[in-house]
N, C-alpha and C. Protein backbone atom coordinates (compact mmCIF):
# COMPACT_ATOMS: atom_id res chain seq x y z
N MET A 1 90.29 141.09 109.22
CA MET A 1 89.70 139.84 109.57
C MET A 1 90.38 138.74 108.74
N ALA A 2 90.75 137.68 109.40
CA ALA A 2 91.45 136.56 108.76
C ALA A 2 90.45 135.63 108.10
N VAL A 3 90.80 135.16 106.92
CA VAL A 3 89.95 134.22 106.21
C VAL A 3 90.36 132.80 106.60
N VAL A 4 89.38 132.05 107.03
CA VAL A 4 89.63 130.67 107.45
C VAL A 4 89.21 129.74 106.33
N ASP A 5 90.11 128.89 105.92
CA ASP A 5 89.81 127.93 104.86
C ASP A 5 89.13 126.71 105.48
N LEU A 6 87.84 126.53 105.16
CA LEU A 6 87.08 125.43 105.72
C LEU A 6 86.98 124.23 104.77
N ALA A 7 87.67 124.33 103.64
CA ALA A 7 87.63 123.22 102.69
C ALA A 7 88.36 122.02 103.28
N PRO A 8 87.78 120.86 103.14
CA PRO A 8 88.44 119.68 103.70
C PRO A 8 89.73 119.37 102.96
N ARG A 9 90.74 119.11 103.70
CA ARG A 9 92.02 118.74 103.11
C ARG A 9 92.17 117.22 103.21
N PRO A 10 92.81 116.65 102.24
CA PRO A 10 93.00 115.19 102.33
C PRO A 10 93.92 114.84 103.49
N ILE A 11 93.60 113.78 104.14
CA ILE A 11 94.42 113.31 105.24
C ILE A 11 95.69 112.73 104.66
N ARG A 12 96.81 113.18 105.19
CA ARG A 12 98.08 112.67 104.69
C ARG A 12 98.16 111.17 104.97
N ARG A 13 98.46 110.43 103.94
CA ARG A 13 98.51 108.98 104.00
C ARG A 13 97.19 108.39 104.47
N GLY A 14 96.13 109.01 104.05
CA GLY A 14 94.79 108.53 104.36
C GLY A 14 94.27 107.60 103.29
N PRO A 15 92.97 107.35 103.28
CA PRO A 15 92.39 106.39 102.34
C PRO A 15 92.65 106.73 100.87
N LEU A 16 92.58 108.01 100.51
CA LEU A 16 92.81 108.37 99.11
C LEU A 16 94.26 108.12 98.71
N ALA A 17 95.18 108.47 99.58
CA ALA A 17 96.59 108.23 99.28
C ALA A 17 96.88 106.74 99.22
N TYR A 18 96.23 105.98 100.08
CA TYR A 18 96.43 104.53 100.09
C TYR A 18 95.88 103.91 98.81
N ARG A 19 94.71 104.36 98.37
CA ARG A 19 94.14 103.87 97.11
C ARG A 19 95.04 104.23 95.94
N ARG A 20 95.56 105.45 95.96
CA ARG A 20 96.46 105.88 94.88
C ARG A 20 97.72 105.02 94.86
N ARG A 21 98.25 104.69 96.03
CA ARG A 21 99.43 103.85 96.10
C ARG A 21 99.13 102.44 95.59
N LEU A 22 97.96 101.92 95.94
CA LEU A 22 97.56 100.61 95.43
C LEU A 22 97.50 100.61 93.90
N ARG A 23 96.94 101.67 93.35
CA ARG A 23 96.82 101.74 91.89
C ARG A 23 98.18 101.96 91.22
N THR A 24 99.09 102.60 91.91
CA THR A 24 100.41 102.86 91.34
C THR A 24 101.33 101.65 91.45
N VAL A 25 101.33 101.02 92.61
CA VAL A 25 102.25 99.91 92.86
C VAL A 25 101.65 98.57 92.46
N GLY A 26 100.33 98.49 92.40
CA GLY A 26 99.64 97.23 92.09
C GLY A 26 100.12 96.52 90.84
N PRO A 27 100.28 97.21 89.72
CA PRO A 27 100.78 96.52 88.53
C PRO A 27 102.15 95.87 88.73
N PHE A 28 103.04 96.56 89.44
CA PHE A 28 104.37 96.02 89.68
C PHE A 28 104.33 94.89 90.70
N ALA A 29 103.37 94.94 91.62
CA ALA A 29 103.21 93.84 92.57
C ALA A 29 102.76 92.57 91.85
N GLY A 30 102.13 92.74 90.68
CA GLY A 30 101.74 91.58 89.89
C GLY A 30 102.93 90.79 89.36
N LEU A 31 104.11 91.37 89.37
CA LEU A 31 105.31 90.68 88.91
C LEU A 31 105.96 89.83 90.00
N VAL A 32 105.50 89.97 91.24
CA VAL A 32 106.14 89.26 92.35
C VAL A 32 105.92 87.75 92.26
N VAL A 33 104.70 87.32 92.05
CA VAL A 33 104.40 85.88 92.03
C VAL A 33 105.14 85.17 90.89
N PRO A 34 105.13 85.69 89.65
CA PRO A 34 105.91 85.02 88.61
C PRO A 34 107.40 85.02 88.91
N ALA A 35 107.91 86.07 89.54
CA ALA A 35 109.33 86.11 89.89
C ALA A 35 109.66 85.03 90.92
N VAL A 36 108.76 84.80 91.87
CA VAL A 36 108.97 83.75 92.86
C VAL A 36 108.94 82.37 92.18
N ALA A 37 108.01 82.17 91.24
CA ALA A 37 107.96 80.90 90.51
C ALA A 37 109.24 80.67 89.72
N LEU A 38 109.76 81.71 89.10
CA LEU A 38 110.99 81.60 88.33
C LEU A 38 112.19 81.33 89.24
N ALA A 39 112.25 82.02 90.37
CA ALA A 39 113.34 81.80 91.32
C ALA A 39 113.29 80.38 91.90
N THR A 40 112.09 79.91 92.18
CA THR A 40 111.94 78.54 92.69
C THR A 40 112.41 77.54 91.64
N SER A 41 112.07 77.79 90.39
CA SER A 41 112.52 76.92 89.31
C SER A 41 114.05 76.91 89.22
N ALA A 42 114.65 78.08 89.34
CA ALA A 42 116.11 78.17 89.25
C ALA A 42 116.78 77.46 90.42
N MET A 43 116.16 77.48 91.60
CA MET A 43 116.73 76.79 92.75
C MET A 43 116.52 75.28 92.68
N LEU A 44 115.39 74.85 92.12
CA LEU A 44 115.10 73.42 92.06
C LEU A 44 115.93 72.69 91.02
N LYS A 45 116.18 73.32 89.91
CA LYS A 45 116.83 72.63 88.80
C LYS A 45 118.20 72.05 89.18
N PRO A 46 119.12 72.82 89.76
CA PRO A 46 120.41 72.20 90.12
C PRO A 46 120.33 71.33 91.37
N ALA A 47 119.32 71.55 92.21
CA ALA A 47 119.22 70.80 93.46
C ALA A 47 118.71 69.38 93.24
N VAL A 48 118.00 69.16 92.15
CA VAL A 48 117.42 67.85 91.88
C VAL A 48 118.34 67.07 90.95
N ALA A 49 118.94 66.03 91.49
CA ALA A 49 119.81 65.17 90.68
C ALA A 49 119.06 63.88 90.40
N CYS A 50 118.79 63.62 89.13
CA CYS A 50 118.06 62.42 88.74
C CYS A 50 118.82 61.70 87.65
N GLU A 51 118.66 60.41 87.61
CA GLU A 51 119.21 59.62 86.53
C GLU A 51 118.06 59.17 85.66
N GLY A 52 118.16 59.37 84.38
CA GLY A 52 117.09 58.98 83.48
C GLY A 52 115.95 59.96 83.54
N ALA A 53 114.73 59.48 83.34
CA ALA A 53 113.54 60.33 83.36
C ALA A 53 113.19 60.67 84.80
N CYS A 54 112.92 61.94 85.03
CA CYS A 54 112.61 62.39 86.39
C CYS A 54 111.59 63.50 86.31
N ILE A 55 110.47 63.33 86.95
CA ILE A 55 109.41 64.33 86.91
C ILE A 55 109.83 65.63 87.61
N SER A 56 110.73 65.55 88.58
CA SER A 56 111.19 66.75 89.27
C SER A 56 111.95 67.68 88.34
N GLN A 57 112.75 67.10 87.45
CA GLN A 57 113.47 67.94 86.49
C GLN A 57 112.50 68.60 85.52
N VAL A 58 111.47 67.88 85.12
CA VAL A 58 110.47 68.46 84.23
C VAL A 58 109.75 69.60 84.94
N THR A 59 109.42 69.39 86.19
CA THR A 59 108.76 70.44 86.96
C THR A 59 109.64 71.67 87.04
N ALA A 60 110.90 71.47 87.35
CA ALA A 60 111.81 72.59 87.51
C ALA A 60 112.11 73.29 86.19
N SER A 61 112.17 72.51 85.11
CA SER A 61 112.61 73.11 83.87
C SER A 61 111.49 73.58 82.95
N TRP A 62 110.25 73.13 83.15
CA TRP A 62 109.17 73.54 82.25
C TRP A 62 107.96 74.12 82.96
N ILE A 63 107.45 73.45 83.97
CA ILE A 63 106.17 73.85 84.53
C ILE A 63 106.27 75.19 85.26
N LEU A 64 107.22 75.35 86.15
CA LEU A 64 107.33 76.62 86.87
C LEU A 64 107.66 77.80 85.96
N PRO A 65 108.60 77.67 85.03
CA PRO A 65 108.80 78.80 84.11
C PRO A 65 107.59 79.07 83.23
N ALA A 66 106.85 78.03 82.86
CA ALA A 66 105.64 78.26 82.06
C ALA A 66 104.59 79.00 82.87
N LEU A 67 104.55 78.77 84.18
CA LEU A 67 103.63 79.53 85.03
C LEU A 67 104.09 80.98 85.17
N ALA A 68 105.40 81.18 85.17
CA ALA A 68 105.93 82.54 85.26
C ALA A 68 105.79 83.29 83.94
N PHE A 69 105.91 82.56 82.83
CA PHE A 69 105.79 83.15 81.49
C PHE A 69 104.66 82.45 80.74
N PRO A 70 103.42 82.80 81.02
CA PRO A 70 102.30 82.06 80.42
C PRO A 70 102.15 82.25 78.91
N THR A 71 102.78 83.24 78.33
CA THR A 71 102.64 83.43 76.89
C THR A 71 103.63 82.59 76.08
N THR A 72 104.44 81.78 76.75
CA THR A 72 105.40 80.95 76.01
C THR A 72 104.70 79.98 75.07
N LEU A 73 103.56 79.46 75.50
CA LEU A 73 102.83 78.52 74.65
C LEU A 73 102.30 79.22 73.40
N LEU A 74 101.92 80.48 73.53
CA LEU A 74 101.45 81.23 72.37
C LEU A 74 102.58 81.50 71.37
N TRP A 75 103.80 81.57 71.85
CA TRP A 75 104.95 81.80 71.00
C TRP A 75 105.52 80.51 70.42
N GLY A 76 104.89 79.38 70.74
CA GLY A 76 105.33 78.10 70.19
C GLY A 76 106.42 77.41 70.96
N ILE A 77 106.75 77.91 72.12
CA ILE A 77 107.76 77.28 72.97
C ILE A 77 107.04 76.20 73.78
N PRO A 78 107.45 75.01 73.90
CA PRO A 78 108.75 74.40 73.67
C PRO A 78 108.90 73.67 72.35
N LEU A 79 107.92 73.72 71.47
CA LEU A 79 108.04 73.01 70.20
C LEU A 79 109.09 73.62 69.29
N GLN A 80 109.22 74.92 69.33
CA GLN A 80 110.23 75.62 68.56
C GLN A 80 110.95 76.57 69.51
N ASP A 81 112.20 76.84 69.19
CA ASP A 81 112.93 77.76 70.05
C ASP A 81 113.63 78.81 69.20
N GLY A 82 114.28 79.70 69.86
CA GLY A 82 114.98 80.78 69.18
C GLY A 82 114.97 82.02 70.05
N ALA A 83 115.94 82.86 69.84
CA ALA A 83 116.09 84.06 70.67
C ALA A 83 114.90 85.00 70.53
N VAL A 84 114.37 85.12 69.32
CA VAL A 84 113.23 86.02 69.10
C VAL A 84 112.00 85.50 69.84
N ARG A 85 111.79 84.21 69.79
CA ARG A 85 110.64 83.62 70.50
C ARG A 85 110.76 83.82 72.01
N TYR A 86 111.95 83.55 72.55
CA TYR A 86 112.14 83.70 74.00
C TYR A 86 112.00 85.16 74.43
N ALA A 87 112.56 86.07 73.65
CA ALA A 87 112.44 87.49 73.99
C ALA A 87 110.99 87.95 73.88
N GLY A 88 110.30 87.51 72.83
CA GLY A 88 108.88 87.87 72.68
C GLY A 88 108.03 87.32 73.81
N ALA A 89 108.30 86.08 74.20
CA ALA A 89 107.55 85.47 75.30
C ALA A 89 107.82 86.20 76.62
N ALA A 90 109.06 86.59 76.83
CA ALA A 90 109.40 87.30 78.07
C ALA A 90 108.73 88.67 78.12
N VAL A 91 108.81 89.42 77.03
CA VAL A 91 108.23 90.77 77.00
C VAL A 91 106.71 90.71 77.13
N THR A 92 106.08 89.81 76.38
CA THR A 92 104.61 89.74 76.46
C THR A 92 104.14 89.22 77.81
N SER A 93 104.91 88.34 78.42
CA SER A 93 104.53 87.84 79.75
C SER A 93 104.64 88.94 80.80
N VAL A 94 105.70 89.73 80.74
CA VAL A 94 105.84 90.84 81.68
C VAL A 94 104.70 91.83 81.50
N LEU A 95 104.40 92.16 80.26
CA LEU A 95 103.27 93.08 80.01
C LEU A 95 101.95 92.47 80.49
N PHE A 96 101.80 91.17 80.30
CA PHE A 96 100.60 90.47 80.75
C PHE A 96 100.44 90.56 82.26
N TRP A 97 101.53 90.29 83.02
CA TRP A 97 101.46 90.35 84.48
C TRP A 97 101.25 91.78 84.96
N LEU A 98 101.85 92.75 84.29
CA LEU A 98 101.60 94.16 84.65
C LEU A 98 100.13 94.50 84.45
N ALA A 99 99.55 94.03 83.35
CA ALA A 99 98.14 94.29 83.08
C ALA A 99 97.24 93.61 84.13
N LEU A 100 97.59 92.40 84.52
CA LEU A 100 96.78 91.72 85.53
C LEU A 100 96.92 92.39 86.90
N GLY A 101 98.11 92.87 87.22
CA GLY A 101 98.29 93.61 88.47
C GLY A 101 97.51 94.91 88.45
N TRP A 102 97.50 95.57 87.29
CA TRP A 102 96.71 96.80 87.15
C TRP A 102 95.23 96.51 87.31
N LEU A 103 94.76 95.43 86.67
CA LEU A 103 93.35 95.06 86.77
C LEU A 103 92.97 94.74 88.22
N ALA A 104 93.82 94.01 88.91
CA ALA A 104 93.55 93.69 90.31
C ALA A 104 93.52 94.96 91.16
N ALA A 105 94.41 95.89 90.87
CA ALA A 105 94.42 97.16 91.62
C ALA A 105 93.16 97.96 91.37
N ARG A 106 92.72 98.02 90.12
CA ARG A 106 91.49 98.76 89.80
C ARG A 106 90.29 98.13 90.48
N ARG A 107 90.22 96.80 90.44
CA ARG A 107 89.08 96.12 91.06
C ARG A 107 89.13 96.24 92.59
N ALA A 108 90.32 96.20 93.17
CA ALA A 108 90.44 96.29 94.62
C ALA A 108 90.10 97.68 95.12
N THR A 109 90.41 98.70 94.33
CA THR A 109 90.19 100.07 94.79
C THR A 109 88.78 100.58 94.49
N ARG A 110 87.91 99.69 94.06
CA ARG A 110 86.50 100.10 93.95
C ARG A 110 85.94 100.39 95.34
N SER A 111 86.48 99.73 96.32
CA SER A 111 86.07 99.97 97.71
C SER A 111 86.76 101.23 98.22
N PRO A 112 86.06 102.07 98.98
CA PRO A 112 86.69 103.29 99.49
C PRO A 112 87.83 103.02 100.47
N VAL A 113 87.78 101.90 101.14
CA VAL A 113 88.83 101.56 102.10
C VAL A 113 89.60 100.33 101.61
N ALA A 114 90.14 100.43 100.42
CA ALA A 114 90.86 99.32 99.82
C ALA A 114 92.18 99.09 100.54
N SER A 115 92.59 97.84 100.54
CA SER A 115 93.86 97.48 101.16
C SER A 115 94.57 96.47 100.29
N TRP A 116 95.79 96.13 100.68
CA TRP A 116 96.54 95.12 99.94
C TRP A 116 95.86 93.76 100.03
N ARG A 117 95.12 93.55 101.07
CA ARG A 117 94.36 92.30 101.20
C ARG A 117 93.33 92.20 100.07
N ASN A 118 92.66 93.31 99.77
CA ASN A 118 91.72 93.33 98.65
C ASN A 118 92.44 93.07 97.33
N TRP A 119 93.60 93.69 97.18
CA TRP A 119 94.37 93.47 95.96
C TRP A 119 94.76 92.00 95.82
N CYS A 120 95.21 91.40 96.91
CA CYS A 120 95.63 89.99 96.86
C CYS A 120 94.46 89.08 96.51
N SER A 121 93.29 89.36 97.05
CA SER A 121 92.15 88.51 96.74
C SER A 121 91.73 88.66 95.28
N GLU A 122 91.78 89.87 94.76
CA GLU A 122 91.46 90.08 93.34
C GLU A 122 92.51 89.43 92.45
N PHE A 123 93.78 89.57 92.81
CA PHE A 123 94.85 89.00 92.01
C PHE A 123 94.85 87.48 92.07
N ALA A 124 94.46 86.92 93.20
CA ALA A 124 94.44 85.46 93.35
C ALA A 124 93.47 84.80 92.38
N TRP A 125 92.32 85.42 92.16
CA TRP A 125 91.36 84.87 91.21
C TRP A 125 91.94 84.85 89.80
N VAL A 126 92.56 85.93 89.42
CA VAL A 126 93.13 86.02 88.08
C VAL A 126 94.33 85.07 87.95
N LEU A 127 95.17 85.05 88.97
CA LEU A 127 96.34 84.18 88.97
C LEU A 127 95.94 82.72 88.85
N GLY A 128 94.95 82.31 89.62
CA GLY A 128 94.47 80.93 89.55
C GLY A 128 93.95 80.58 88.17
N SER A 129 93.22 81.49 87.57
CA SER A 129 92.69 81.25 86.23
C SER A 129 93.81 81.12 85.20
N VAL A 130 94.79 81.99 85.28
CA VAL A 130 95.91 81.94 84.33
C VAL A 130 96.69 80.64 84.51
N TRP A 131 96.96 80.27 85.76
CA TRP A 131 97.74 79.06 86.00
C TRP A 131 96.98 77.80 85.63
N VAL A 132 95.67 77.77 85.84
CA VAL A 132 94.89 76.61 85.40
C VAL A 132 94.94 76.51 83.87
N GLY A 133 94.76 77.63 83.20
CA GLY A 133 94.84 77.62 81.74
C GLY A 133 96.20 77.20 81.23
N THR A 134 97.25 77.66 81.86
CA THR A 134 98.61 77.27 81.46
C THR A 134 98.83 75.79 81.72
N GLY A 135 98.36 75.31 82.86
CA GLY A 135 98.49 73.88 83.17
C GLY A 135 97.75 73.01 82.18
N VAL A 136 96.55 73.42 81.80
CA VAL A 136 95.79 72.67 80.79
C VAL A 136 96.53 72.68 79.46
N GLY A 137 97.08 73.83 79.09
CA GLY A 137 97.85 73.91 77.85
C GLY A 137 99.06 73.00 77.87
N LEU A 138 99.79 72.96 78.99
CA LEU A 138 100.94 72.06 79.10
C LEU A 138 100.50 70.60 79.07
N TRP A 139 99.39 70.29 79.70
CA TRP A 139 98.89 68.92 79.70
C TRP A 139 98.52 68.48 78.28
N ILE A 140 97.83 69.35 77.56
CA ILE A 140 97.47 69.04 76.17
C ILE A 140 98.72 68.86 75.32
N LEU A 141 99.70 69.71 75.52
CA LEU A 141 100.96 69.61 74.79
C LEU A 141 101.66 68.30 75.10
N ALA A 142 101.68 67.90 76.36
CA ALA A 142 102.31 66.63 76.76
C ALA A 142 101.55 65.44 76.18
N GLN A 143 100.23 65.51 76.13
CA GLN A 143 99.44 64.42 75.56
C GLN A 143 99.67 64.31 74.05
N ARG A 144 99.80 65.43 73.41
CA ARG A 144 99.92 65.45 71.96
C ARG A 144 101.32 65.05 71.50
N TYR A 145 102.35 65.60 72.16
CA TYR A 145 103.71 65.39 71.69
C TYR A 145 104.55 64.54 72.63
N GLY A 146 104.11 64.35 73.86
CA GLY A 146 104.74 63.42 74.80
C GLY A 146 106.21 63.67 75.06
N GLU A 147 107.00 62.62 74.89
CA GLU A 147 108.41 62.62 75.30
C GLU A 147 109.26 63.65 74.58
N GLY A 148 108.96 63.93 73.35
CA GLY A 148 109.80 64.83 72.58
C GLY A 148 109.79 66.26 73.08
N VAL A 149 108.77 66.65 73.81
CA VAL A 149 108.66 68.04 74.23
C VAL A 149 109.34 68.28 75.56
N PHE A 150 109.02 67.47 76.55
CA PHE A 150 109.49 67.74 77.90
C PHE A 150 110.69 66.89 78.31
N GLY A 151 111.15 66.04 77.46
CA GLY A 151 112.33 65.24 77.78
C GLY A 151 112.05 64.12 78.75
N LEU A 152 110.83 63.65 78.84
CA LEU A 152 110.51 62.53 79.73
C LEU A 152 110.99 61.22 79.14
């Protein structure tokens, strides 16, 4: 007599596999938005030709990279510079975005039928909060130090 295995098998590429993929790829997906901000900054900087003070150059050279690397203000950039500061800001920012992507993935996969749409909505809340905080920090820095910091 043949023994029939009645134990349920996971559906290939089913909800569990999809949740696992969200949790695996989610942290790395958190690096996409900062990479787009950095690429946009790199494209805007040479495309904008201004004479004298120009807000577009400030946007291209400070605001977008600060949004991509939010820990730069913690490292004292732009008031002080140096290779160690830039490397530290880059490494901590990448780790920060990986952690936020991981957090968004964990929160999105609380639902049994999680999707990338859930991940995006969770990540959008965190992204908005980080960017508002970075913007406030840049605004305070501009108010405090003005022209000497951003080259206005």
